């Protein structure tokens, strides 16, 4: 991984430390967005605004949609 970082640094003209800092900042931002989305989904489930379905039902619905699209 270090050799790939050094290669990218050479190609971009940026310091390896700057590339790592940017990558971590991007990761933290994405992680925060994901956490917010999961918290909102959990709140929806807990409040009853959204009802759960079991996995077998979900997969059956997906298979049905796929079959319909193939026939079209």
N, C-alpha and C. Protein backbone atom coordinates (compact mmCIF):
# COMPACT_ATOMS: atom_id res chain seq x y z
N UNK A 1 0.82 -1.17 0.00
CA UNK A 1 0.00 0.00 0.00
C UNK A 1 0.88 1.26 0.00
N UNK A 2 1.96 1.18 0.73
CA UNK A 2 2.84 2.33 0.78
C UNK A 2 3.42 2.65 -0.60
N UNK A 3 3.76 1.61 -1.35
CA UNK A 3 4.32 1.86 -2.69
C UNK A 3 3.27 2.50 -3.60
N UNK A 4 2.00 2.08 -3.47
CA UNK A 4 0.93 2.69 -4.26
C UNK A 4 0.74 4.15 -3.85
N UNK A 5 0.85 4.43 -2.55
CA UNK A 5 0.74 5.80 -2.07
C UNK A 5 1.87 6.66 -2.63
N UNK A 6 3.07 6.12 -2.61
CA UNK A 6 4.21 6.86 -3.14
C UNK A 6 4.05 7.11 -4.64
N UNK A 7 3.53 6.13 -5.35
CA UNK A 7 3.30 6.27 -6.79
C UNK A 7 2.26 7.36 -7.06
N UNK A 8 1.17 7.35 -6.31
CA UNK A 8 0.14 8.36 -6.48
C UNK A 8 0.67 9.74 -6.13
N UNK A 9 1.47 9.83 -5.09
CA UNK A 9 2.07 11.11 -4.70
C UNK A 9 2.96 11.64 -5.82
N UNK A 10 3.74 10.77 -6.43
CA UNK A 10 4.61 11.18 -7.53
C UNK A 10 3.80 11.64 -8.74
N UNK A 11 2.71 10.93 -9.04
CA UNK A 11 1.88 11.28 -10.19
C UNK A 11 1.14 12.61 -9.99
N UNK A 12 0.70 12.85 -8.77
CA UNK A 12 -0.10 14.05 -8.50
C UNK A 12 0.72 15.24 -8.03
N UNK A 13 1.95 15.00 -7.62
CA UNK A 13 2.79 16.08 -7.12
C UNK A 13 2.41 16.51 -5.71
N UNK A 14 1.66 15.69 -5.03
CA UNK A 14 1.23 16.00 -3.66
C UNK A 14 2.00 15.14 -2.68
N UNK A 15 2.12 15.63 -1.47
CA UNK A 15 2.83 14.89 -0.43
C UNK A 15 1.98 13.69 0.00
N UNK A 16 2.61 12.56 0.26
CA UNK A 16 1.86 11.38 0.71
C UNK A 16 0.99 11.67 1.94
N UNK A 17 1.50 12.49 2.86
CA UNK A 17 0.74 12.82 4.06
C UNK A 17 -0.56 13.54 3.71
N UNK A 18 -0.50 14.42 2.70
CA UNK A 18 -1.70 15.15 2.27
C UNK A 18 -2.73 14.20 1.66
N UNK A 19 -2.25 13.24 0.89
CA UNK A 19 -3.16 12.27 0.28
C UNK A 19 -3.85 11.43 1.35
N UNK A 20 -3.09 11.01 2.36
CA UNK A 20 -3.67 10.22 3.44
C UNK A 20 -4.68 11.06 4.23
N UNK A 21 -4.32 12.31 4.50
CA UNK A 21 -5.23 13.18 5.24
C UNK A 21 -6.54 13.38 4.47
N UNK A 22 -6.45 13.60 3.16
CA UNK A 22 -7.66 13.75 2.34
C UNK A 22 -8.51 12.48 2.35
N UNK A 23 -7.84 11.33 2.26
CA UNK A 23 -8.57 10.06 2.25
C UNK A 23 -9.30 9.85 3.58
N UNK A 24 -8.64 10.15 4.67
CA UNK A 24 -9.27 9.97 5.98
C UNK A 24 -10.42 10.95 6.16
N UNK A 25 -10.25 12.18 5.71
CA UNK A 25 -11.32 13.17 5.82
C UNK A 25 -12.54 12.71 5.02
N UNK A 26 -12.32 12.19 3.82
CA UNK A 26 -13.42 11.69 3.01
C UNK A 26 -14.10 10.50 3.65
N UNK A 27 -13.31 9.62 4.22
CA UNK A 27 -13.86 8.45 4.90
C UNK A 27 -14.72 8.86 6.08
N UNK A 28 -14.22 9.80 6.88
CA UNK A 28 -14.98 10.25 8.05
C UNK A 28 -16.29 10.90 7.64
N UNK A 29 -16.26 11.66 6.55
CA UNK A 29 -17.49 12.31 6.06
C UNK A 29 -18.50 11.25 5.62
N UNK A 30 -18.05 10.28 4.85
CA UNK A 30 -18.95 9.19 4.41
C UNK A 30 -19.48 8.39 5.59
N UNK A 31 -18.63 8.14 6.56
CA UNK A 31 -19.05 7.40 7.75
C UNK A 31 -20.12 8.17 8.52
N UNK A 32 -19.95 9.48 8.64
CA UNK A 32 -20.94 10.31 9.35
C UNK A 32 -22.27 10.29 8.60
N UNK A 33 -22.22 10.38 7.27
CA UNK A 33 -23.46 10.33 6.48
C UNK A 33 -24.16 8.99 6.65
N UNK A 34 -23.39 7.91 6.62
CA UNK A 34 -23.96 6.58 6.79
C UNK A 34 -24.58 6.43 8.17
N UNK A 35 -23.89 6.91 9.18
CA UNK A 35 -24.41 6.84 10.55
C UNK A 35 -25.73 7.61 10.66
N UNK A 36 -25.78 8.81 10.07
CA UNK A 36 -27.02 9.60 10.11
C UNK A 36 -28.16 8.87 9.42
N UNK A 37 -27.88 8.26 8.27
CA UNK A 37 -28.91 7.54 7.53
C UNK A 37 -29.41 6.34 8.33
N UNK A 38 -28.48 5.60 8.94
CA UNK A 38 -28.88 4.44 9.74
C UNK A 38 -29.69 4.86 10.96
N UNK A 39 -29.28 5.95 11.60
CA UNK A 39 -30.03 6.44 12.75
C UNK A 39 -31.45 6.83 12.35
N UNK A 40 -31.58 7.50 11.20
CA UNK A 40 -32.91 7.91 10.73
C UNK A 40 -33.76 6.68 10.41
N UNK A 41 -33.17 5.68 9.78
CA UNK A 41 -33.91 4.46 9.46
C UNK A 41 -34.35 3.74 10.73
N UNK A 42 -33.46 3.70 11.72
CA UNK A 42 -33.80 3.06 12.99
C UNK A 42 -34.96 3.81 13.65
N UNK A 43 -34.88 5.14 13.63
CA UNK A 43 -35.96 5.95 14.21
C UNK A 43 -37.29 5.67 13.50
N UNK A 44 -37.25 5.53 12.15
CA UNK A 44 -38.46 5.21 11.39
C UNK A 44 -39.04 3.87 11.82
N UNK A 45 -38.19 2.89 12.00
CA UNK A 45 -38.66 1.57 12.45
C UNK A 45 -39.22 1.63 13.86
N UNK A 46 -38.49 2.29 14.74
CA UNK A 46 -38.89 2.36 16.14
C UNK A 46 -40.23 3.09 16.30
N UNK A 47 -40.45 4.13 15.48
CA UNK A 47 -41.68 4.92 15.61
C UNK A 47 -42.87 4.24 14.94
N UNK A 48 -42.60 3.23 14.10
CA UNK A 48 -43.68 2.56 13.40
C UNK A 48 -44.01 3.15 12.04
N UNK A 49 -43.27 4.20 11.63
CA UNK A 49 -43.50 4.79 10.30
C UNK A 49 -43.15 3.82 9.19
N UNK A 50 -42.26 2.89 9.48
CA UNK A 50 -41.84 1.88 8.50
C UNK A 50 -42.02 0.52 9.15
N UNK A 51 -42.57 -0.42 8.40
CA UNK A 51 -42.75 -1.78 8.89
C UNK A 51 -41.69 -2.69 8.28
N UNK A 52 -41.25 -3.65 9.06
CA UNK A 52 -40.26 -4.59 8.55
C UNK A 52 -40.95 -5.70 7.75
N UNK A 53 -40.17 -6.30 6.86
CA UNK A 53 -40.62 -7.51 6.16
C UNK A 53 -39.52 -8.55 6.33
N UNK A 54 -39.89 -9.81 6.32
CA UNK A 54 -38.89 -10.84 6.50
C UNK A 54 -38.08 -11.01 5.22
N UNK A 55 -36.91 -11.59 5.35
CA UNK A 55 -35.99 -11.75 4.23
C UNK A 55 -36.57 -12.56 3.09
N UNK A 56 -37.27 -13.64 3.40
CA UNK A 56 -37.84 -14.49 2.35
C UNK A 56 -38.84 -13.70 1.50
N UNK A 57 -39.65 -12.89 2.14
CA UNK A 57 -40.62 -12.07 1.41
C UNK A 57 -39.90 -11.05 0.53
N UNK A 58 -38.86 -10.42 1.05
CA UNK A 58 -38.11 -9.44 0.28
C UNK A 58 -37.47 -10.08 -0.95
N UNK A 59 -36.82 -11.23 -0.78
CA UNK A 59 -36.19 -11.90 -1.91
C UNK A 59 -37.22 -12.37 -2.93
N UNK A 60 -38.35 -12.83 -2.48
CA UNK A 60 -39.41 -13.25 -3.40
C UNK A 60 -39.88 -12.07 -4.24
N UNK A 61 -40.03 -10.91 -3.62
CA UNK A 61 -40.44 -9.72 -4.36
C UNK A 61 -39.38 -9.32 -5.39
N UNK A 62 -38.11 -9.39 -5.01
CA UNK A 62 -37.04 -9.06 -5.97
C UNK A 62 -37.01 -10.05 -7.13
N UNK A 63 -37.15 -11.32 -6.83
CA UNK A 63 -37.16 -12.33 -7.90
C UNK A 63 -38.33 -12.11 -8.85
N UNK A 64 -39.47 -11.77 -8.31
CA UNK A 64 -40.65 -11.52 -9.12
C UNK A 64 -40.43 -10.32 -10.04
N UNK A 65 -39.86 -9.24 -9.50
CA UNK A 65 -39.58 -8.05 -10.31
C UNK A 65 -38.59 -8.39 -11.44
N UNK A 66 -37.56 -9.15 -11.10
CA UNK A 66 -36.57 -9.54 -12.11
C UNK A 66 -37.20 -10.37 -13.21
N UNK A 67 -38.05 -11.31 -12.84
CA UNK A 67 -38.72 -12.16 -13.82
C UNK A 67 -39.62 -11.32 -14.73
N UNK A 68 -40.33 -10.35 -14.16
CA UNK A 68 -41.20 -9.48 -14.95
C UNK A 68 -40.39 -8.66 -15.95
N UNK A 69 -39.25 -8.15 -15.52
CA UNK A 69 -38.42 -7.35 -16.41
C UNK A 69 -37.83 -8.19 -17.54
N UNK A 70 -37.49 -9.43 -17.25
CA UNK A 70 -36.96 -10.30 -18.31
C UNK A 70 -38.02 -10.61 -19.35
N UNK A 71 -39.29 -10.71 -18.92
CA UNK A 71 -40.38 -11.00 -19.86
C UNK A 71 -40.72 -9.78 -20.72
N UNK A 72 -40.42 -8.59 -20.24
CA UNK A 72 -40.77 -7.35 -20.96
C UNK A 72 -39.84 -7.09 -22.12
